[in-house]
Amino acid sequence: MKNLRNKLLLAIAVAGIATQAAAQAWPAKSVRFVVPFAPGGATDVAARVMAEKLSASLGQQVVVDNRAGASGVIGTTEVARAAPDGYTLLFAADPVSTAHLVMKAVTYDFLRDFTPVIQATTQPLAIAVHSSVPAKNLQEFIALAKASPGKYSFSHSGTGSGQHLSGEMFKKLAGIDMQHVPYKGGAPAVQDLVAGQVLVGVIGSTPLIPHHNAGRIKILAFTSKDRFPALPDIPTLHESGFKGFDTGQWLGIVGPRGLPPEVVERLNADSRKALAMADVKERLMKAGLITVGGSAKAFETMMREDIGRWTTMTREMGIQPQ
């Protein structure tokens, strides 16, 4: 009996050492960042900046894999079903965490089925119009929309996103009639706005900035409570008569449920170092993204609050999953 007990203890010890060694060995091969939106948008831009830095610090290639579709749900679902070994991660954006509020087809629970690693960035959303729209400011646009109900539609990165819900909230508070037009990410939504296929956009600031500066579109307001440092001359909705209006979007890294703590700690530590680098801050700020960093726990807390807020807002606005 004693020999059997000793063999058992030895087996447990060996298994523990093997598990610890496997965790310490991570990563032993390339890591995949699944971006659930089309190339060119804010999520894709930030993912590629972070992939470059993490490839250097981890000693393994971090590959960006765009899996767009169904407002980000396709790529997100793929990661939710992946093995929690640290080799398949989601470079997430807020739309995929709230898609269940408007889409019945969503099968994952974001807070249950993913392991938070780090919040990478935050940014305000922008209310923008095509250059042909004869409005110099937000008040003039609202007057135009009220004079022609149903004439204007707004583009956004996907159904259920903060962009979509912010647009719905704005039009309700402004008393205007606009149909929402979902896209497979911010980049294609911007493309149609710039081309004049849709005349209004409620989109993250990243892909809009160069077009605004070139005069192809006009950013009329930002959805954050405070002015956006990259374009400080543009007012916020809060300043423009919509007191308390304060929405935005976040980007961050998550893994499948059950991601080993050692992997989370390594990823978080290396990501925090990357986000603190001057060149990373500068590159992301040029894209309209403000770096965040922080702990995995802080990221989880922020997501819980954000999802809770949008759950309340959609209920108050009478929005039901379709």
C-alpha atoms as a PDB file:
ATOM      1  CA  MET A   1       0.000   0.000   0.000  1.00  0.00           C
ATOM      2  CA  LYS A   2       2.848   2.346   0.907  1.00  0.00           C
ATOM      3  CA  ASN A   3       4.585   1.652  -2.428  1.00  0.00           C
ATOM      4  CA  LEU A   4       1.340   2.354  -4.298  1.00  0.00           C
ATOM      5  CA  ARG A   5       0.904   5.649  -2.409  1.00  0.00           C
ATOM      6  CA  ASN A   6       4.472   6.662  -3.219  1.00  0.00           C
ATOM      7  CA  LYS A   7       3.996   5.849  -6.897  1.00  0.00           C
ATOM      8  CA  LEU A   8       0.803   7.904  -6.929  1.00  0.00           C
ATOM      9  CA  LEU A   9       2.515  10.899  -5.353  1.00  0.00           C
ATOM     10  CA  LEU A  10       5.395  10.575  -7.811  1.00  0.00           C
ATOM     11  CA  ALA A  11       2.979  10.460 -10.767  1.00  0.00           C
ATOM     12  CA  ILE A  12       1.173  13.589  -9.524  1.00  0.00           C
ATOM     13  CA  ALA A  13       4.480  15.396  -9.033  1.00  0.00           C
ATOM     14  CA  VAL A  14       5.691  14.433 -12.516  1.00  0.00           C
ATOM     15  CA  ALA A  15       2.388  15.578 -14.053  1.00  0.00           C
ATOM     16  CA  GLY A  16       2.669  18.872 -12.192  1.00  0.00           C
ATOM     17  CA  ILE A  17       6.211  19.420 -13.404  1.00  0.00           C
ATOM     18  CA  ALA A  18       5.199  18.558 -16.975  1.00  0.00           C
ATOM     19  CA  THR A  19       2.274  20.998 -16.845  1.00  0.00           C
ATOM     20  CA  GLN A  20       4.473  23.741 -15.435  1.00  0.00           C
ATOM     21  CA  ALA A  21       7.141  23.084 -18.063  1.00  0.00           C
ATOM     22  CA  ALA A  22       4.543  23.206 -20.840  1.00  0.00           C
ATOM     23  CA  ALA A  23       3.234  26.544 -19.555  1.00  0.00           C
ATOM     24  CA  GLN A  24       6.745  27.937 -19.242  1.00  0.00           C
ATOM     25  CA  ALA A  25       7.533  26.767 -22.773  1.00  0.00           C
ATOM     26  CA  TRP A  26       4.694  28.809 -24.249  1.00  0.00           C
ATOM     27  CA  PRO A  27       4.865  29.932 -26.974  1.00  0.00           C
ATOM     28  CA  ALA A  28       6.572  27.081 -28.804  1.00  0.00           C
ATOM     29  CA  LYS A  29       5.060  28.030 -32.179  1.00  0.00           C
ATOM     30  CA  SER A  30       3.327  30.947 -33.888  1.00  0.00           C
ATOM     31  CA  VAL A  31       0.336  32.615 -32.228  1.00  0.00           C
ATOM     32  CA  ARG A  32      -2.776  33.621 -34.175  1.00  0.00           C
ATOM     33  CA  PHE A  33      -4.652  36.866 -33.563  1.00  0.00           C
ATOM     34  CA  VAL A  34      -8.145  36.419 -35.007  1.00  0.00           C
ATOM     35  CA  VAL A  35      -9.527  39.833 -36.008  1.00  0.00           C
ATOM     36  CA  PRO A  36     -13.295  39.410 -36.525  1.00  0.00           C
ATOM     37  CA  PHE A  37     -13.546  42.343 -38.939  1.00  0.00           C
ATOM     38  CA  ALA A  38     -12.276  43.287 -42.388  1.00  0.00           C
ATOM     39  CA  PRO A  39      -8.744  44.687 -42.871  1.00  0.00           C
ATOM     40  CA  GLY A  40      -8.243  48.446 -42.567  1.00  0.00           C
ATOM     41  CA  GLY A  41     -10.485  49.256 -39.604  1.00  0.00           C
ATOM     42  CA  ALA A  42      -9.458  50.207 -36.082  1.00  0.00           C
ATOM     43  CA  THR A  43      -9.358  46.609 -34.812  1.00  0.00           C
ATOM     44  CA  ASP A  44      -7.129  45.503 -37.671  1.00  0.00           C
ATOM     45  CA  VAL A  45      -4.788  48.499 -37.322  1.00  0.00           C
ATOM     46  CA  ALA A  46      -4.267  47.971 -33.579  1.00  0.00           C
ATOM     47  CA  ALA A  47      -3.925  44.193 -33.943  1.00  0.00           C
ATOM     48  CA  ARG A  48      -1.108  44.587 -36.479  1.00  0.00           C
ATOM     49  CA  VAL A  49       0.775  47.074 -34.302  1.00  0.00           C
ATOM     50  CA  MET A  50       0.512  44.759 -31.289  1.00  0.00           C
ATOM     51  CA  ALA A  51       1.334  41.642 -33.329  1.00  0.00           C
ATOM     52  CA  GLU A  52       4.575  43.254 -34.487  1.00  0.00           C
ATOM     53  CA  LYS A  53       5.696  44.073 -30.934  1.00  0.00           C
ATOM     54  CA  LEU A  54       4.580  40.776 -29.418  1.00  0.00           C
ATOM     55  CA  SER A  55       6.325  38.795 -32.157  1.00  0.00           C
ATOM     56  CA  ALA A  56       9.583  40.376 -30.991  1.00  0.00           C
ATOM     57  CA  SER A  57       8.999  39.927 -27.249  1.00  0.00           C
ATOM     58  CA  LEU A  58       7.563  36.393 -27.422  1.00  0.00           C
ATOM     59  CA  GLY A  59      10.148  35.115 -29.870  1.00  0.00           C
ATOM     60  CA  GLN A  60       7.402  33.611 -32.065  1.00  0.00           C
ATOM     61  CA  GLN A  61       5.477  35.094 -34.965  1.00  0.00           C
ATOM     62  CA  VAL A  62       2.085  36.579 -34.044  1.00  0.00           C
ATOM     63  CA  VAL A  63      -0.052  36.298 -37.184  1.00  0.00           C
ATOM     64  CA  VAL A  64      -3.125  38.469 -37.820  1.00  0.00           C
ATOM     65  CA  ASP A  65      -5.997  36.476 -39.336  1.00  0.00           C
ATOM     66  CA  ASN A  66      -9.038  38.507 -40.472  1.00  0.00           C
ATOM     67  CA  ARG A  67     -12.257  36.493 -40.111  1.00  0.00           C
ATOM     68  CA  ALA A  68     -14.979  38.993 -40.934  1.00  0.00           C
ATOM     69  CA  GLY A  69     -18.693  38.270 -41.101  1.00  0.00           C
ATOM     70  CA  ALA A  70     -21.970  38.543 -39.196  1.00  0.00           C
ATOM     71  CA  SER A  71     -20.892  41.721 -37.392  1.00  0.00           C
ATOM     72  CA  GLY A  72     -17.817  40.001 -35.958  1.00  0.00           C
ATOM     73  CA  VAL A  73     -19.697  36.951 -34.702  1.00  0.00           C
ATOM     74  CA  ILE A  74     -18.068  34.463 -37.110  1.00  0.00           C
ATOM     75  CA  GLY A  75     -14.483  35.115 -36.013  1.00  0.00           C
ATOM     76  CA  THR A  76     -15.476  35.441 -32.364  1.00  0.00           C
ATOM     77  CA  THR A  77     -17.340  32.128 -32.382  1.00  0.00           C
ATOM     78  CA  GLU A  78     -14.296  30.433 -33.932  1.00  0.00           C
ATOM     79  CA  VAL A  79     -12.091  31.563 -31.041  1.00  0.00           C
ATOM     80  CA  ALA A  80     -14.715  30.611 -28.447  1.00  0.00           C
ATOM     81  CA  ARG A  81     -14.520  27.039 -29.786  1.00  0.00           C
ATOM     82  CA  ALA A  82     -10.702  26.955 -29.998  1.00  0.00           C
ATOM     83  CA  ALA A  83      -8.451  25.053 -27.606  1.00  0.00           C
ATOM     84  CA  PRO A  84      -7.411  27.244 -24.628  1.00  0.00           C
ATOM     85  CA  ASP A  85      -3.708  26.731 -25.284  1.00  0.00           C
ATOM     86  CA  GLY A  86      -2.688  30.320 -26.018  1.00  0.00           C
ATOM     87  CA  TYR A  87      -2.154  29.802 -29.751  1.00  0.00           C
ATOM     88  CA  THR A  88      -5.545  31.140 -30.914  1.00  0.00           C
ATOM     89  CA  LEU A  89      -6.524  34.513 -29.470  1.00  0.00           C
ATOM     90  CA  LEU A  90      -9.167  37.089 -30.318  1.00  0.00           C
ATOM     91  CA  PHE A  91      -8.246  40.704 -30.908  1.00  0.00           C
ATOM     92  CA  ALA A  92     -11.671  41.805 -29.789  1.00  0.00           C
ATOM     93  CA  ALA A  93     -13.699  44.966 -30.210  1.00  0.00           C
ATOM     94  CA  ASP A  94     -16.790  45.997 -28.268  1.00  0.00           C
ATOM     95  CA  PRO A  95     -19.312  44.954 -30.993  1.00  0.00           C
ATOM     96  CA  VAL A  96     -18.661  41.246 -30.440  1.00  0.00           C
ATOM     97  CA  SER A  97     -19.446  41.546 -26.719  1.00  0.00           C
ATOM     98  CA  THR A  98     -22.888  43.088 -27.285  1.00  0.00           C
ATOM     99  CA  ALA A  99     -23.983  41.320 -30.487  1.00  0.00           C
ATOM    100  CA  HIS A 100     -26.312  39.079 -28.447  1.00  0.00           C
ATOM    101  CA  LEU A 101     -28.429  42.113 -27.614  1.00  0.00           C
ATOM    102  CA  VAL A 102     -29.637  42.397 -31.221  1.00  0.00           C
ATOM    103  CA  MET A 103     -28.844  39.019 -32.848  1.00  0.00           C
ATOM    104  CA  LYS A 104     -30.526  35.752 -31.852  1.00  0.00           C
ATOM    105  CA  ALA A 105     -27.905  33.738 -33.741  1.00  0.00           C
ATOM    106  CA  VAL A 106     -25.126  34.528 -31.231  1.00  0.00           C
ATOM    107  CA  THR A 107     -24.227  31.296 -29.427  1.00  0.00           C
ATOM    108  CA  TYR A 108     -21.452  32.498 -27.119  1.00  0.00           C
ATOM    109  CA  ASP A 109     -21.633  34.419 -23.854  1.00  0.00           C
ATOM    110  CA  PHE A 110     -18.717  36.844 -23.993  1.00  0.00           C
ATOM    111  CA  LEU A 111     -18.158  37.039 -20.238  1.00  0.00           C
ATOM    112  CA  ARG A 112     -18.515  33.278 -19.776  1.00  0.00           C
ATOM    113  CA  ASP A 113     -16.712  31.933 -22.840  1.00  0.00           C
ATOM    114  CA  PHE A 114     -13.603  34.124 -22.976  1.00  0.00           C
ATOM    115  CA  THR A 115     -10.602  34.830 -20.769  1.00  0.00           C
ATOM    116  CA  PRO A 116      -9.717  38.551 -20.577  1.00  0.00           C
ATOM    117  CA  VAL A 117      -6.036  39.386 -21.145  1.00  0.00           C
ATOM    118  CA  ILE A 118      -5.705  43.156 -21.611  1.00  0.00           C
ATOM    119  CA  GLN A 119      -7.534  46.222 -22.867  1.00  0.00           C
ATOM    120  CA  ALA A 120      -5.411  47.682 -25.638  1.00  0.00           C
ATOM    121  CA  THR A 121      -7.161  50.934 -26.569  1.00  0.00           C
ATOM    122  CA  THR A 122     -10.186  53.143 -26.309  1.00  0.00           C
ATOM    123  CA  GLN A 123     -11.550  55.735 -28.725  1.00  0.00           C
ATOM    124  CA  PRO A 124     -14.638  57.876 -29.236  1.00  0.00           C
ATOM    125  CA  LEU A 125     -17.077  57.300 -32.046  1.00  0.00           C
ATOM    126  CA  ALA A 126     -17.681  59.974 -34.652  1.00  0.00           C
ATOM    127  CA  ILE A 127     -20.876  61.278 -36.230  1.00  0.00           C
ATOM    128  CA  ALA A 128     -19.754  61.990 -39.793  1.00  0.00           C
ATOM    129  CA  VAL A 129     -21.435  62.945 -43.057  1.00  0.00           C
ATOM    130  CA  HIS A 130     -20.429  62.826 -46.718  1.00  0.00           C
ATOM    131  CA  SER A 131     -18.993  66.088 -48.054  1.00  0.00           C
ATOM    132  CA  SER A 132     -22.098  66.574 -50.253  1.00  0.00           C
ATOM    133  CA  VAL A 133     -24.367  66.926 -47.206  1.00  0.00           C
ATOM    134  CA  PRO A 134     -25.021  70.682 -46.816  1.00  0.00           C
ATOM    135  CA  ALA A 135     -24.484  70.815 -43.053  1.00  0.00           C
ATOM    136  CA  LYS A 136     -21.559  72.580 -41.398  1.00  0.00           C
ATOM    137  CA  ASN A 137     -22.356  71.354 -37.899  1.00  0.00           C
ATOM    138  CA  LEU A 138     -24.486  68.883 -35.975  1.00  0.00           C
ATOM    139  CA  GLN A 139     -27.415  71.250 -35.471  1.00  0.00           C
ATOM    140  CA  GLU A 140     -27.661  71.935 -39.213  1.00  0.00           C
ATOM    141  CA  PHE A 141     -27.605  68.209 -39.965  1.00  0.00           C
ATOM    142  CA  ILE A 142     -30.380  67.488 -37.458  1.00  0.00           C
ATOM    143  CA  ALA A 143     -32.475  70.208 -39.107  1.00  0.00           C
ATOM    144  CA  LEU A 144     -31.880  68.628 -42.539  1.00  0.00           C
ATOM    145  CA  ALA A 145     -32.804  65.166 -41.263  1.00  0.00           C
ATOM    146  CA  LYS A 146     -35.984  66.436 -39.637  1.00  0.00           C
ATOM    147  CA  ALA A 147     -36.959  68.205 -42.871  1.00  0.00           C
ATOM    148  CA  SER A 148     -36.499  64.980 -44.901  1.00  0.00           C
ATOM    149  CA  PRO A 149     -37.499  61.962 -42.755  1.00  0.00           C
ATOM    150  CA  GLY A 150     -35.968  58.724 -44.022  1.00  0.00           C
ATOM    151  CA  LYS A 151     -33.605  60.407 -46.476  1.00  0.00           C
ATOM    152  CA  TYR A 152     -30.460  59.664 -44.473  1.00  0.00           C
ATOM    153  CA  SER A 153     -29.061  56.279 -43.438  1.00  0.00           C
ATOM    154  CA  PHE A 154     -26.047  55.713 -41.227  1.00  0.00           C
ATOM    155  CA  SER A 155     -23.278  53.166 -41.729  1.00  0.00           C
ATOM    156  CA  HIS A 156     -21.551  51.320 -38.889  1.00  0.00           C
ATOM    157  CA  SER A 157     -19.250  48.362 -38.298  1.00  0.00           C
ATOM    158  CA  GLY A 158     -21.914  45.784 -37.467  1.00  0.00           C
ATOM    159  CA  THR A 159     -25.272  45.046 -35.895  1.00  0.00           C
ATOM    160  CA  GLY A 160     -25.148  45.204 -32.114  1.00  0.00           C
ATOM    161  CA  SER A 161     -21.938  47.220 -32.004  1.00  0.00           C
ATOM    162  CA  GLY A 162     -21.455  50.338 -29.914  1.00  0.00           C
ATOM    163  CA  GLN A 163     -21.494  52.197 -33.233  1.00  0.00           C
ATOM    164  CA  HIS A 164     -24.910  50.788 -34.116  1.00  0.00           C
ATOM    165  CA  LEU A 165     -26.360  51.357 -30.650  1.00  0.00           C
ATOM    166  CA  SER A 166     -24.849  54.844 -30.339  1.00  0.00           C
ATOM    167  CA  GLY A 167     -26.421  55.742 -33.680  1.00  0.00           C
ATOM    168  CA  GLU A 168     -29.802  54.453 -32.526  1.00  0.00           C
ATOM    169  CA  MET A 169     -29.521  56.417 -29.297  1.00  0.00           C
ATOM    170  CA  PHE A 170     -28.467  59.590 -31.137  1.00  0.00           C
ATOM    171  CA  LYS A 171     -31.330  59.458 -33.609  1.00  0.00           C
ATOM    172  CA  LYS A 172     -33.847  58.809 -30.834  1.00  0.00           C
ATOM    173  CA  LEU A 173     -32.604  61.709 -28.713  1.00  0.00           C
ATOM    174  CA  ALA A 174     -32.382  63.998 -31.766  1.00  0.00           C
ATOM    175  CA  GLY A 175     -35.860  63.011 -32.954  1.00  0.00           C
ATOM    176  CA  ILE A 176     -34.740  62.073 -36.464  1.00  0.00           C
ATOM    177  CA  ASP A 177     -35.485  59.112 -38.745  1.00  0.00           C
ATOM    178  CA  MET A 178     -32.418  57.207 -40.025  1.00  0.00           C
ATOM    179  CA  GLN A 179     -32.091  53.581 -41.112  1.00  0.00           C
ATOM    180  CA  HIS A 180     -28.953  51.777 -39.941  1.00  0.00           C
ATOM    181  CA  VAL A 181     -26.731  50.030 -42.516  1.00  0.00           C
ATOM    182  CA  PRO A 182     -24.395  47.361 -41.014  1.00  0.00           C
ATOM    183  CA  TYR A 183     -21.035  46.448 -42.581  1.00  0.00           C
ATOM    184  CA  LYS A 184     -18.359  43.806 -41.963  1.00  0.00           C
ATOM    185  CA  GLY A 185     -16.168  46.241 -40.061  1.00  0.00           C
ATOM    186  CA  GLY A 186     -15.299  49.923 -39.960  1.00  0.00           C
ATOM    187  CA  ALA A 187     -13.220  49.995 -43.168  1.00  0.00           C
ATOM    188  CA  PRO A 188     -16.012  49.026 -45.623  1.00  0.00           C
ATOM    189  CA  ALA A 189     -18.460  51.265 -43.753  1.00  0.00           C
ATOM    190  CA  VAL A 190     -16.081  54.179 -44.300  1.00  0.00           C
ATOM    191  CA  GLN A 191     -15.533  53.262 -47.967  1.00  0.00           C
ATOM    192  CA  ASP A 192     -19.236  53.605 -48.744  1.00  0.00           C
ATOM    193  CA  LEU A 193     -19.469  56.825 -46.724  1.00  0.00           C
ATOM    194  CA  VAL A 194     -16.549  58.351 -48.647  1.00  0.00           C
ATOM    195  CA  ALA A 195     -18.084  57.190 -51.940  1.00  0.00           C
ATOM    196  CA  GLY A 196     -21.436  58.729 -51.037  1.00  0.00           C
ATOM    197  CA  GLN A 197     -23.261  55.390 -51.128  1.00  0.00           C
ATOM    198  CA  VAL A 198     -24.438  56.192 -47.603  1.00  0.00           C
ATOM    199  CA  LEU A 199     -24.504  59.786 -46.395  1.00  0.00           C
ATOM    200  CA  VAL A 200     -23.963  59.388 -42.641  1.00  0.00           C
ATOM    201  CA  GLY A 201     -21.641  57.259 -40.546  1.00  0.00           C
ATOM    202  CA  VAL A 202     -21.455  56.474 -36.832  1.00  0.00           C
ATOM    203  CA  ILE A 203     -18.001  54.961 -36.866  1.00  0.00           C
ATOM    204  CA  GLY A 204     -14.812  54.735 -34.827  1.00  0.00           C
ATOM    205  CA  SER A 205     -12.480  57.649 -35.461  1.00  0.00           C
ATOM    206  CA  THR A 206      -9.518  55.620 -36.813  1.00  0.00           C
ATOM    207  CA  PRO A 207     -10.437  55.229 -40.492  1.00  0.00           C
ATOM    208  CA  LEU A 208     -12.316  58.549 -40.657  1.00  0.00           C
ATOM    209  CA  ILE A 209      -9.504  60.928 -39.726  1.00  0.00           C
ATOM    210  CA  PRO A 210      -7.601  60.974 -43.060  1.00  0.00           C
ATOM    211  CA  HIS A 211     -10.828  61.411 -45.041  1.00  0.00           C
ATOM    212  CA  HIS A 212     -11.954  64.235 -42.759  1.00  0.00           C
ATOM    213  CA  ASN A 213      -8.597  65.961 -43.135  1.00  0.00           C
ATOM    214  CA  ALA A 214      -8.824  65.581 -46.927  1.00  0.00           C
ATOM    215  CA  GLY A 215     -12.340  67.052 -47.038  1.00  0.00           C
ATOM    216  CA  ARG A 216     -14.048  63.926 -48.355  1.00  0.00           C
ATOM    217  CA  ILE A 217     -16.239  63.683 -45.264  1.00  0.00           C
ATOM    218  CA  LYS A 218     -17.086  65.952 -42.335  1.00  0.00           C
ATOM    219  CA  ILE A 219     -16.892  64.795 -38.732  1.00  0.00           C
ATOM    220  CA  LEU A 220     -19.625  66.777 -36.980  1.00  0.00           C
ATOM    221  CA  ALA A 221     -19.248  65.488 -33.420  1.00  0.00           C
ATOM    222  CA  PHE A 222     -17.674  62.847 -31.201  1.00  0.00           C
ATOM    223  CA  THR A 223     -19.649  60.661 -28.820  1.00  0.00           C
ATOM    224  CA  SER A 224     -17.229  60.946 -25.882  1.00  0.00           C
ATOM    225  CA  LYS A 225     -17.916  63.379 -23.065  1.00  0.00           C
ATOM    226  CA  ASP A 226     -14.511  65.020 -23.459  1.00  0.00           C
ATOM    227  CA  ARG A 227     -13.003  66.329 -26.680  1.00  0.00           C
ATOM    228  CA  PHE A 228     -10.798  63.989 -28.676  1.00  0.00           C
ATOM    229  CA  PRO A 229      -7.095  64.977 -28.478  1.00  0.00           C
ATOM    230  CA  ALA A 230      -6.430  64.027 -32.114  1.00  0.00           C
ATOM    231  CA  LEU A 231      -9.102  66.487 -33.361  1.00  0.00           C
ATOM    232  CA  PRO A 232      -9.653  68.949 -30.507  1.00  0.00           C
ATOM    233  CA  ASP A 233     -11.641  71.473 -32.577  1.00  0.00           C
ATOM    234  CA  ILE A 234     -14.590  69.128 -33.088  1.00  0.00           C
ATOM    235  CA  PRO A 235     -17.299  69.306 -30.387  1.00  0.00           C
ATOM    236  CA  THR A 236     -18.834  66.378 -28.544  1.00  0.00           C
ATOM    237  CA  LEU A 237     -22.491  65.377 -28.459  1.00  0.00           C
ATOM    238  CA  HIS A 238     -22.434  66.239 -24.757  1.00  0.00           C
ATOM    239  CA  GLU A 239     -21.478  69.824 -25.668  1.00  0.00           C
ATOM    240  CA  SER A 240     -23.975  69.939 -28.519  1.00  0.00           C
ATOM    241  CA  GLY A 241     -27.119  69.646 -26.451  1.00  0.00           C
ATOM    242  CA  PHE A 242     -27.076  65.930 -25.576  1.00  0.00           C
ATOM    243  CA  LYS A 243     -26.010  66.185 -21.944  1.00  0.00           C
ATOM    244  CA  GLY A 244     -24.411  63.070 -20.544  1.00  0.00           C
ATOM    245  CA  PHE A 245     -23.958  61.377 -23.934  1.00  0.00           C
ATOM    246  CA  ASP A 246     -20.718  59.444 -23.510  1.00  0.00           C
ATOM    247  CA  THR A 247     -20.016  56.340 -25.583  1.00  0.00           C
ATOM    248  CA  GLY A 248     -16.978  54.906 -27.317  1.00  0.00           C
ATOM    249  CA  GLN A 249     -15.378  51.663 -28.260  1.00  0.00           C
ATOM    250  CA  TRP A 250     -12.657  49.472 -26.835  1.00  0.00           C
ATOM    251  CA  LEU A 251     -10.198  46.999 -28.283  1.00  0.00           C
ATOM    252  CA  GLY A 252      -8.442  44.232 -26.391  1.00  0.00           C
ATOM    253  CA  ILE A 253      -7.032  40.733 -26.322  1.00  0.00           C
ATOM    254  CA  VAL A 254      -9.011  37.750 -25.025  1.00  0.00           C
ATOM    255  CA  GLY A 255      -8.553  33.992 -25.271  1.00  0.00           C
ATOM    256  CA  PRO A 256     -10.923  31.047 -25.068  1.00  0.00           C
ATOM    257  CA  ARG A 257     -12.325  30.154 -21.655  1.00  0.00           C
ATOM    258  CA  GLY A 258      -9.752  28.299 -19.570  1.00  0.00           C
ATOM    259  CA  LEU A 259      -6.661  30.052 -20.907  1.00  0.00           C
ATOM    260  CA  PRO A 260      -3.825  29.103 -18.485  1.00  0.00           C
ATOM    261  CA  PRO A 261      -3.005  31.835 -15.921  1.00  0.00           C
ATOM    262  CA  GLU A 262       0.680  31.668 -16.890  1.00  0.00           C
ATOM    263  CA  VAL A 263      -0.193  32.486 -20.496  1.00  0.00           C
ATOM    264  CA  VAL A 264      -2.480  35.353 -19.423  1.00  0.00           C
ATOM    265  CA  GLU A 265       0.270  36.792 -17.204  1.00  0.00           C
ATOM    266  CA  ARG A 266       2.916  36.596 -19.948  1.00  0.00           C
ATOM    267  CA  LEU A 267       0.635  38.082 -22.593  1.00  0.00           C
ATOM    268  CA  ASN A 268      -0.533  40.830 -20.264  1.00  0.00           C
ATOM    269  CA  ALA A 269       3.003  41.756 -19.191  1.00  0.00           C
ATOM    270  CA  ASP A 270       4.381  41.841 -22.745  1.00  0.00           C
ATOM    271  CA  SER A 271       1.335  43.738 -24.029  1.00  0.00           C
ATOM    272  CA  ARG A 272       1.620  46.357 -21.264  1.00  0.00           C
ATOM    273  CA  LYS A 273       5.252  46.933 -22.188  1.00  0.00           C
ATOM    274  CA  ALA A 274       4.301  47.300 -25.856  1.00  0.00           C
ATOM    275  CA  LEU A 275       1.458  49.728 -25.123  1.00  0.00           C
ATOM    276  CA  ALA A 276       3.841  51.875 -23.038  1.00  0.00           C
ATOM    277  CA  MET A 277       6.293  52.284 -25.936  1.00  0.00           C
ATOM    278  CA  ALA A 278       6.449  55.801 -27.395  1.00  0.00           C
ATOM    279  CA  ASP A 279       6.285  54.613 -31.009  1.00  0.00           C
ATOM    280  CA  VAL A 280       3.236  52.419 -30.290  1.00  0.00           C
ATOM    281  CA  LYS A 281       1.421  55.290 -28.566  1.00  0.00           C
ATOM    282  CA  GLU A 282       2.247  57.586 -31.491  1.00  0.00           C
ATOM    283  CA  ARG A 283       1.181  55.101 -34.179  1.00  0.00           C
ATOM    284  CA  LEU A 284      -2.087  54.327 -32.438  1.00  0.00           C
ATOM    285  CA  MET A 285      -2.859  57.981 -31.675  1.00  0.00           C
ATOM    286  CA  LYS A 286      -2.396  58.813 -35.372  1.00  0.00           C
ATOM    287  CA  ALA A 287      -5.037  56.175 -35.993  1.00  0.00           C
ATOM    288  CA  GLY A 288      -7.318  57.782 -33.411  1.00  0.00           C
ATOM    289  CA  LEU A 289      -6.679  55.176 -30.721  1.00  0.00           C
ATOM    290  CA  ILE A 290      -5.763  55.976 -27.116  1.00  0.00           C
ATOM    291  CA  THR A 291      -3.676  53.252 -25.419  1.00  0.00           C
ATOM    292  CA  VAL A 292      -4.925  51.774 -22.137  1.00  0.00           C
ATOM    293  CA  GLY A 293      -3.077  48.696 -20.794  1.00  0.00           C
ATOM    294  CA  GLY A 294      -3.746  47.628 -17.207  1.00  0.00           C
ATOM    295  CA  SER A 295      -4.483  44.258 -15.645  1.00  0.00           C
ATOM    296  CA  ALA A 296      -6.626  41.427 -16.963  1.00  0.00           C
ATOM    297  CA  LYS A 297      -8.971  41.987 -14.004  1.00  0.00           C
ATOM    298  CA  ALA A 298      -9.392  45.665 -14.857  1.00  0.00           C
ATOM    299  CA  PHE A 299     -10.270  44.665 -18.425  1.00  0.00           C
ATOM    300  CA  GLU A 300     -12.872  42.188 -17.191  1.00  0.00           C
ATOM    301  CA  THR A 301     -14.422  44.808 -14.896  1.00  0.00           C
ATOM    302  CA  MET A 302     -14.628  47.346 -17.741  1.00  0.00           C
ATOM    303  CA  MET A 303     -16.286  44.815 -20.051  1.00  0.00           C
ATOM    304  CA  ARG A 304     -18.856  43.829 -17.424  1.00  0.00           C
ATOM    305  CA  GLU A 305     -19.770  47.485 -16.915  1.00  0.00           C
ATOM    306  CA  ASP A 306     -19.916  48.184 -20.657  1.00  0.00           C
ATOM    307  CA  ILE A 307     -22.092  45.166 -21.452  1.00  0.00           C
ATOM    308  CA  GLY A 308     -24.347  45.993 -18.498  1.00  0.00           C
ATOM    309  CA  ARG A 309     -24.760  49.583 -19.674  1.00  0.00           C
ATOM    310  CA  TRP A 310     -25.686  48.576 -23.234  1.00  0.00           C
ATOM    311  CA  THR A 311     -28.045  45.894 -21.928  1.00  0.00           C
ATOM    312  CA  THR A 312     -29.913  48.582 -19.988  1.00  0.00           C
ATOM    313  CA  MET A 313     -29.888  51.030 -22.909  1.00  0.00           C
ATOM    314  CA  THR A 314     -31.202  48.530 -25.466  1.00  0.00           C
ATOM    315  CA  ARG A 315     -33.980  47.570 -23.063  1.00  0.00           C
ATOM    316  CA  GLU A 316     -34.903  51.220 -22.580  1.00  0.00           C
ATOM    317  CA  MET A 317     -34.848  51.824 -26.352  1.00  0.00           C
ATOM    318  CA  GLY A 318     -37.035  48.756 -26.951  1.00  0.00           C
ATOM    319  CA  ILE A 319     -34.423  46.995 -29.113  1.00  0.00           C
ATOM    320  CA  GLN A 320     -34.986  43.242 -29.325  1.00  0.00           C
ATOM    321  CA  PRO A 321     -32.730  40.488 -30.771  1.00  0.00           C
ATOM    322  CA  GLN A 322     -33.704  39.650 -34.349  1.00  0.00           C
END
